[in-house]
Protein backbone atom coordinates (compact mmCIF):
# COMPACT_ATOMS: atom_id res chain seq x y z
CA MET A 1 1.55 9.01 7.53
CA TYR A 2 3.24 7.46 4.56
CA PHE A 3 1.98 3.85 4.60
CA SER A 4 5.31 2.76 3.13
CA ASP A 5 5.74 -0.53 5.00
CA ARG A 6 4.40 -3.89 3.80
CA VAL A 7 2.99 -6.17 6.50
CA LYS A 8 0.90 -9.32 6.52
CA LEU A 9 -2.29 -9.45 8.56
CA ILE A 10 -2.84 -13.07 9.59
CA ARG A 11 -5.97 -14.80 10.83
CA ARG A 12 -5.83 -18.33 12.25
CA VAL A 13 -8.71 -20.56 11.17
CA THR A 14 -9.40 -23.87 12.88
CA GLN A 15 -9.65 -26.78 10.46
CA LEU A 16 -12.95 -28.69 10.57
CA ASP A 17 -13.79 -32.23 9.48
CA GLU A 18 -16.86 -33.21 7.44
CA ALA A 19 -19.04 -33.26 10.59
CA GLY A 20 -17.98 -29.75 11.57
CA ASN A 21 -15.76 -30.85 14.47
CA PRO A 22 -12.26 -29.42 14.92
CA VAL A 23 -9.45 -31.50 13.42
CA LEU A 24 -6.91 -32.38 16.13
CA ASP A 25 -3.17 -32.86 15.77
CA ASP A 26 -1.13 -35.72 17.24
CA ILE A 27 -1.32 -34.39 20.80
CA GLY A 28 -4.94 -33.25 20.78
CA ASN A 29 -4.61 -29.57 19.92
CA PRO A 30 -6.86 -28.10 17.23
CA ALA A 31 -5.16 -27.86 13.84
CA TYR A 32 -5.38 -24.53 12.06
CA THR A 33 -4.43 -22.81 8.85
CA ASP A 34 -3.25 -19.24 8.41
CA GLU A 35 -5.08 -16.84 6.12
CA SER A 36 -2.86 -13.87 5.30
CA LEU A 37 -3.43 -10.55 3.61
CA GLU A 38 -0.51 -8.31 2.60
CA VAL A 39 -1.27 -4.61 3.11
CA TRP A 40 0.44 -1.24 3.28
CA ALA A 41 1.04 0.02 6.82
CA ASP A 42 2.83 2.64 8.83
CA LEU A 43 5.08 1.23 11.59
CA GLN A 44 5.50 3.56 14.56
CA SER A 45 7.14 3.40 17.96
CA PRO A 46 4.65 2.99 20.81
CA SER A 47 3.92 6.16 22.77
CA ARG A 48 4.98 6.56 26.39
CA ALA A 49 1.34 6.35 27.47
CA GLU A 50 0.85 3.09 25.55
CA THR A 51 4.06 1.64 26.97
CA ALA A 52 2.87 2.46 30.49
CA ALA A 53 -0.65 1.08 29.89
CA ALA A 54 0.73 -2.12 28.37
CA GLY A 55 3.21 -2.45 31.22
CA ALA A 56 0.31 -2.36 33.68
CA MET A 57 -1.07 -5.44 31.86
CA GLY A 58 2.31 -7.17 31.95
CA LEU A 59 3.03 -6.55 28.26
CA LYS A 60 5.87 -4.86 26.42
CA PRO A 61 4.67 -3.27 23.18
CA SER A 62 6.90 -3.89 20.17
CA CYS A 63 5.41 -1.25 17.88
CA THR A 64 2.21 0.34 16.66
CA VAL A 65 1.05 -0.75 13.21
CA VAL A 66 -1.34 1.68 11.48
CA VAL A 67 -3.39 0.18 8.62
CA HIS A 68 -6.38 1.33 6.63
CA ALA A 69 -9.66 0.36 8.31
CA SER A 70 -10.85 -1.29 5.11
CA ASP A 71 -7.89 -3.72 5.27
CA TYR A 72 -8.35 -4.83 8.89
CA THR A 73 -11.01 -7.45 9.64
CA GLY A 74 -10.01 -8.66 13.09
CA GLN A 75 -6.75 -10.45 12.33
CA THR A 76 -4.78 -11.34 15.46
CA ILE A 77 -1.23 -11.66 14.07
CA VAL A 78 0.90 -9.15 12.16
CA GLU A 79 4.01 -10.26 10.29
CA VAL A 80 6.25 -7.20 10.03
CA ALA A 81 9.29 -8.96 8.55
CA ALA A 82 10.19 -12.43 7.41
CA ASP A 83 9.72 -14.72 10.43
CA LYS A 84 8.85 -11.78 12.73
CA ARG A 85 5.27 -12.37 13.84
CA LEU A 86 3.69 -10.15 16.48
CA THR A 87 0.42 -10.61 18.35
CA VAL A 88 -2.24 -7.88 18.39
CA TYR A 89 -3.23 -7.13 21.99
CA ARG A 90 -5.27 -3.96 21.43
CA THR A 91 -6.75 -1.95 18.58
CA PHE A 92 -7.86 1.65 18.27
CA ASN A 93 -10.08 2.90 15.44
CA ARG A 94 -9.15 6.37 14.16
CA GLY A 95 -11.81 6.74 11.47
CA GLU A 96 -10.21 5.73 8.18
CA ASP A 97 -7.26 4.05 9.95
CA VAL A 98 -6.85 1.44 12.69
CA GLU A 99 -3.95 1.37 15.13
CA LEU A 100 -2.83 -2.16 16.01
CA TYR A 101 -0.78 -2.41 19.18
CA VAL A 102 1.42 -5.49 18.92
CA THR A 103 3.82 -7.44 21.11
CA GLU A 104 5.90 -10.57 20.86
CA LYS A 105 3.96 -13.55 22.12
CA ALA A 106 5.50 -14.71 25.38
CA GLY A 107 7.37 -17.97 25.10
CA ASP A 108 7.26 -18.10 21.32
CA VAL A 109 9.69 -16.38 19.00
CA ARG A 110 7.67 -17.02 15.82
CA GLY A 111 4.25 -16.03 17.25
CA LYS A 112 2.76 -19.51 16.91
């Protein structure tokens, strides 16, 4: 593995008011902010076994993103290119590395 690709690991955090209640937008959905961390990664094609397993869940894997375990803290979105956000649907810990299996979020091109 070369870890020659730069990706952003993104965590969505719900905004809270002074009382600790979620801040709502104009239509009543919780407002959030994105916390991002840019890390080195290795982008790989999903294996045949992963493609079959994801297909059984109704998903189509886009790629496998391998990052160092010390960089990953449960983020749910990976930005692999400008405006190309993918959703993490499964992880696999390989000791010093973590494999993130990602897919495009259904119905949303930007992953929001």
